[in-house]
């Protein structure tokens, strides 16, 4: 059986993150907020995420375009294959 998916809090989306997102949502809706990743403005009606640091998910960086945030998967270091993590594995 596969491991259960980590909880929202374990993935960095707990109560602290949700409060920060609420505060940021008011700012984004009012306008004048730039994406922390690309530096370009986030339109009040545009989809956005509250982004984490790429290396330390406990650090919240700020609002970012949804496309900027979701493109970070390609910038993460590659995950080790099971045989590399567990040399005796098949």
N, C-alpha and C. Protein backbone atom coordinates (compact mmCIF):
# COMPACT_ATOMS: atom_id res chain seq x y z
N UNK A 1 0.84 -1.19 0.00
CA UNK A 1 0.00 0.00 0.00
C UNK A 1 0.88 1.25 0.00
N UNK A 2 0.53 2.22 -0.81
CA UNK A 2 1.30 3.46 -0.91
C UNK A 2 1.11 4.30 0.35
N UNK A 3 2.13 5.11 0.63
CA UNK A 3 2.03 6.02 1.77
C UNK A 3 0.91 7.02 1.52
N UNK A 4 0.26 7.44 2.61
CA UNK A 4 -0.79 8.46 2.50
C UNK A 4 -0.14 9.80 2.17
N UNK A 5 -0.88 10.62 1.46
CA UNK A 5 -0.39 11.96 1.11
C UNK A 5 -0.26 12.78 2.39
N UNK A 6 0.81 13.58 2.50
CA UNK A 6 0.97 14.42 3.68
C UNK A 6 -0.22 15.38 3.83
N UNK A 7 -0.48 15.78 5.06
CA UNK A 7 -1.57 16.71 5.31
C UNK A 7 -1.23 18.08 4.73
N UNK A 8 -2.24 18.93 4.65
CA UNK A 8 -2.03 20.29 4.15
C UNK A 8 -0.97 21.01 4.99
N UNK A 9 -1.04 20.85 6.30
CA UNK A 9 -0.07 21.50 7.18
C UNK A 9 1.34 20.95 6.93
N UNK A 10 1.47 19.64 6.72
CA UNK A 10 2.78 19.05 6.45
C UNK A 10 3.35 19.52 5.12
N UNK A 11 2.49 19.88 4.18
CA UNK A 11 2.95 20.38 2.88
C UNK A 11 3.18 21.88 2.90
N UNK A 12 2.94 22.54 4.05
CA UNK A 12 3.19 23.97 4.16
C UNK A 12 1.96 24.83 3.97
N UNK A 13 0.77 24.24 4.05
CA UNK A 13 -0.47 25.00 3.84
C UNK A 13 -1.37 25.01 5.08
N UNK A 14 -0.77 25.06 6.25
CA UNK A 14 -1.52 25.05 7.49
C UNK A 14 -2.17 26.40 7.80
N UNK A 15 -2.58 26.57 9.04
CA UNK A 15 -3.30 27.78 9.46
C UNK A 15 -2.48 29.04 9.22
N UNK A 16 -1.20 28.99 9.48
CA UNK A 16 -0.33 30.17 9.28
C UNK A 16 -0.34 30.59 7.81
N UNK A 17 -0.21 29.62 6.92
CA UNK A 17 -0.21 29.91 5.49
C UNK A 17 -1.57 30.47 5.06
N UNK A 18 -2.64 29.89 5.57
CA UNK A 18 -3.98 30.34 5.20
C UNK A 18 -4.25 31.77 5.66
N UNK A 19 -3.76 32.12 6.85
CA UNK A 19 -3.91 33.51 7.32
C UNK A 19 -3.12 34.46 6.43
N UNK A 20 -1.90 34.06 6.06
CA UNK A 20 -1.07 34.90 5.19
C UNK A 20 -1.73 35.05 3.82
N UNK A 21 -2.33 33.98 3.32
CA UNK A 21 -2.99 34.05 2.01
C UNK A 21 -4.19 35.01 2.07
N UNK A 22 -4.94 34.99 3.17
CA UNK A 22 -6.08 35.90 3.32
C UNK A 22 -5.62 37.36 3.28
N UNK A 23 -4.53 37.64 4.01
CA UNK A 23 -3.99 39.01 4.01
C UNK A 23 -3.54 39.40 2.61
N UNK A 24 -2.83 38.50 1.95
CA UNK A 24 -2.33 38.78 0.60
C UNK A 24 -3.48 38.94 -0.38
N UNK A 25 -4.56 38.19 -0.20
CA UNK A 25 -5.71 38.27 -1.11
C UNK A 25 -6.30 39.68 -1.11
N UNK A 26 -6.37 40.30 0.06
CA UNK A 26 -6.88 41.67 0.14
C UNK A 26 -5.97 42.62 -0.64
N UNK A 27 -4.66 42.42 -0.53
CA UNK A 27 -3.71 43.28 -1.23
C UNK A 27 -3.79 43.07 -2.74
N UNK A 28 -3.86 41.81 -3.18
CA UNK A 28 -3.93 41.51 -4.61
C UNK A 28 -5.21 42.09 -5.19
N UNK A 29 -6.31 41.93 -4.47
CA UNK A 29 -7.60 42.44 -4.95
C UNK A 29 -7.58 43.96 -5.09
N UNK A 30 -6.85 44.63 -4.22
CA UNK A 30 -6.75 46.09 -4.27
C UNK A 30 -5.84 46.55 -5.41
N UNK A 31 -4.99 45.66 -5.91
CA UNK A 31 -4.08 46.00 -7.01
C UNK A 31 -2.73 46.49 -6.52
N UNK A 32 -1.79 46.53 -7.43
CA UNK A 32 -0.47 47.05 -7.10
C UNK A 32 0.49 46.04 -6.50
N UNK A 33 0.16 44.74 -6.58
CA UNK A 33 1.04 43.71 -6.04
C UNK A 33 1.82 43.07 -7.19
N UNK A 34 3.12 42.95 -6.99
CA UNK A 34 3.96 42.30 -7.99
C UNK A 34 4.27 40.87 -7.56
N UNK A 35 4.42 40.00 -8.54
CA UNK A 35 4.81 38.61 -8.32
C UNK A 35 6.22 38.59 -7.73
N UNK A 36 6.42 37.90 -6.63
CA UNK A 36 7.75 37.89 -6.02
C UNK A 36 8.75 37.15 -6.89
N UNK A 37 8.27 36.26 -7.75
CA UNK A 37 9.17 35.44 -8.56
C UNK A 37 9.62 36.17 -9.84
N UNK A 38 8.67 36.75 -10.59
CA UNK A 38 9.04 37.38 -11.86
C UNK A 38 9.06 38.91 -11.79
N UNK A 39 8.44 39.49 -10.74
CA UNK A 39 8.45 40.93 -10.56
C UNK A 39 7.38 41.68 -11.33
N UNK A 40 6.59 40.98 -12.14
CA UNK A 40 5.54 41.64 -12.92
C UNK A 40 4.26 41.75 -12.09
N UNK A 41 3.40 42.74 -12.40
CA UNK A 41 2.17 42.93 -11.62
C UNK A 41 1.22 41.73 -11.72
N UNK A 42 0.49 41.52 -10.64
CA UNK A 42 -0.57 40.51 -10.60
C UNK A 42 -1.88 41.28 -10.70
N UNK A 43 -2.65 41.04 -11.74
CA UNK A 43 -3.94 41.72 -11.92
C UNK A 43 -4.91 41.26 -10.83
N UNK A 44 -5.77 42.17 -10.33
CA UNK A 44 -6.70 41.80 -9.27
C UNK A 44 -7.59 40.59 -9.60
N UNK A 45 -7.88 40.36 -10.88
CA UNK A 45 -8.75 39.23 -11.25
C UNK A 45 -7.96 38.02 -11.74
N UNK A 46 -6.64 38.07 -11.61
CA UNK A 46 -5.77 36.99 -12.10
C UNK A 46 -5.60 35.89 -11.05
N UNK A 47 -5.45 34.64 -11.51
CA UNK A 47 -5.18 33.52 -10.61
C UNK A 47 -3.78 33.68 -10.04
N UNK A 48 -3.63 33.46 -8.74
CA UNK A 48 -2.33 33.60 -8.10
C UNK A 48 -2.22 32.60 -6.96
N UNK A 49 -1.00 32.36 -6.54
CA UNK A 49 -0.72 31.49 -5.40
C UNK A 49 0.14 32.26 -4.41
N UNK A 50 0.11 31.84 -3.17
CA UNK A 50 1.02 32.38 -2.17
C UNK A 50 2.23 31.46 -2.16
N UNK A 51 3.32 31.94 -2.72
CA UNK A 51 4.47 31.08 -2.98
C UNK A 51 5.40 30.87 -1.81
N UNK A 52 5.98 29.68 -1.79
CA UNK A 52 7.00 29.29 -0.82
C UNK A 52 8.38 29.42 -1.45
N UNK A 53 9.37 29.46 -0.60
CA UNK A 53 10.75 29.39 -1.03
C UNK A 53 10.99 28.02 -1.68
N UNK A 54 11.78 27.98 -2.73
CA UNK A 54 12.01 26.72 -3.45
C UNK A 54 12.78 25.69 -2.63
N UNK A 55 13.64 26.13 -1.74
CA UNK A 55 14.42 25.19 -0.94
C UNK A 55 13.85 24.96 0.46
N UNK A 56 13.12 25.92 1.00
CA UNK A 56 12.61 25.80 2.37
C UNK A 56 11.14 26.18 2.39
N UNK A 57 10.26 25.18 2.38
CA UNK A 57 8.82 25.42 2.32
C UNK A 57 8.27 26.11 3.57
N UNK A 58 9.07 26.23 4.61
CA UNK A 58 8.60 26.94 5.80
C UNK A 58 8.66 28.45 5.60
N UNK A 59 9.31 28.89 4.51
CA UNK A 59 9.43 30.31 4.21
C UNK A 59 8.40 30.69 3.15
N UNK A 60 7.50 31.60 3.49
CA UNK A 60 6.52 32.10 2.53
C UNK A 60 7.10 33.34 1.89
N UNK A 61 7.19 33.34 0.56
CA UNK A 61 7.79 34.45 -0.17
C UNK A 61 6.78 35.54 -0.50
N UNK A 62 5.56 35.17 -0.87
CA UNK A 62 4.56 36.17 -1.19
C UNK A 62 3.74 35.77 -2.40
N UNK A 63 2.81 36.64 -2.80
CA UNK A 63 1.97 36.34 -3.95
C UNK A 63 2.81 36.16 -5.21
N UNK A 64 2.39 35.23 -6.03
CA UNK A 64 3.03 35.04 -7.32
C UNK A 64 2.00 34.54 -8.31
N UNK A 65 2.25 34.82 -9.59
CA UNK A 65 1.35 34.32 -10.62
C UNK A 65 1.25 32.80 -10.48
N UNK A 66 0.08 32.29 -10.71
CA UNK A 66 -0.10 30.85 -10.63
C UNK A 66 0.86 30.13 -11.58
N UNK A 67 1.01 30.67 -12.79
CA UNK A 67 1.90 30.04 -13.77
C UNK A 67 3.36 30.08 -13.31
N UNK A 68 3.76 31.14 -12.62
CA UNK A 68 5.14 31.22 -12.11
C UNK A 68 5.36 30.18 -11.01
N UNK A 69 4.40 30.07 -10.11
CA UNK A 69 4.52 29.12 -9.02
C UNK A 69 4.54 27.69 -9.52
N UNK A 70 3.67 27.37 -10.42
CA UNK A 70 3.54 25.98 -10.85
C UNK A 70 4.61 25.57 -11.85
N UNK A 71 5.36 26.53 -12.34
CA UNK A 71 6.48 26.22 -13.23
C UNK A 71 7.73 25.83 -12.44
N UNK A 72 7.70 25.98 -11.12
CA UNK A 72 8.89 25.72 -10.31
C UNK A 72 9.24 24.25 -10.24
N UNK A 73 8.33 23.36 -10.59
CA UNK A 73 8.62 21.94 -10.55
C UNK A 73 9.87 21.62 -11.36
N UNK A 74 10.04 22.30 -12.48
CA UNK A 74 11.20 22.04 -13.33
C UNK A 74 12.49 22.60 -12.74
N UNK A 75 12.39 23.49 -11.74
CA UNK A 75 13.59 24.08 -11.14
C UNK A 75 14.03 23.33 -9.89
N UNK A 76 13.25 22.39 -9.43
CA UNK A 76 13.62 21.63 -8.23
C UNK A 76 14.67 20.59 -8.59
N UNK A 77 15.53 20.25 -7.61
CA UNK A 77 16.50 19.20 -7.91
C UNK A 77 15.76 17.89 -8.17
N UNK A 78 16.27 17.05 -9.07
CA UNK A 78 15.58 15.80 -9.37
C UNK A 78 15.49 14.90 -8.14
N UNK A 79 14.38 14.21 -8.02
CA UNK A 79 14.20 13.27 -6.92
C UNK A 79 15.02 12.02 -7.19
N UNK A 80 15.53 11.44 -6.13
CA UNK A 80 16.29 10.21 -6.30
C UNK A 80 15.35 9.06 -6.60
N UNK A 81 15.80 8.18 -7.47
CA UNK A 81 15.02 7.00 -7.79
C UNK A 81 15.05 6.06 -6.59
N UNK A 82 14.07 5.21 -6.47
CA UNK A 82 13.98 4.29 -5.32
C UNK A 82 15.26 3.47 -5.16
N UNK A 83 15.86 3.04 -6.25
CA UNK A 83 17.09 2.24 -6.14
C UNK A 83 18.26 3.06 -5.64
N UNK A 84 18.23 4.38 -5.85
CA UNK A 84 19.30 5.23 -5.32
C UNK A 84 19.11 5.49 -3.84
N UNK A 85 17.84 5.60 -3.40
CA UNK A 85 17.56 5.82 -1.98
C UNK A 85 17.77 4.55 -1.18
N UNK A 86 17.46 3.42 -1.79
CA UNK A 86 17.55 2.12 -1.13
C UNK A 86 18.33 1.18 -2.04
N UNK A 87 19.65 1.16 -1.92
CA UNK A 87 20.47 0.41 -2.84
C UNK A 87 20.09 -1.06 -3.01
N UNK A 88 19.50 -1.68 -2.03
CA UNK A 88 19.14 -3.10 -2.15
C UNK A 88 17.79 -3.33 -2.78
N UNK A 89 17.07 -2.24 -3.11
CA UNK A 89 15.73 -2.36 -3.66
C UNK A 89 15.75 -2.87 -5.09
N UNK A 90 14.70 -3.51 -5.49
CA UNK A 90 14.58 -3.99 -6.87
C UNK A 90 13.81 -3.02 -7.71
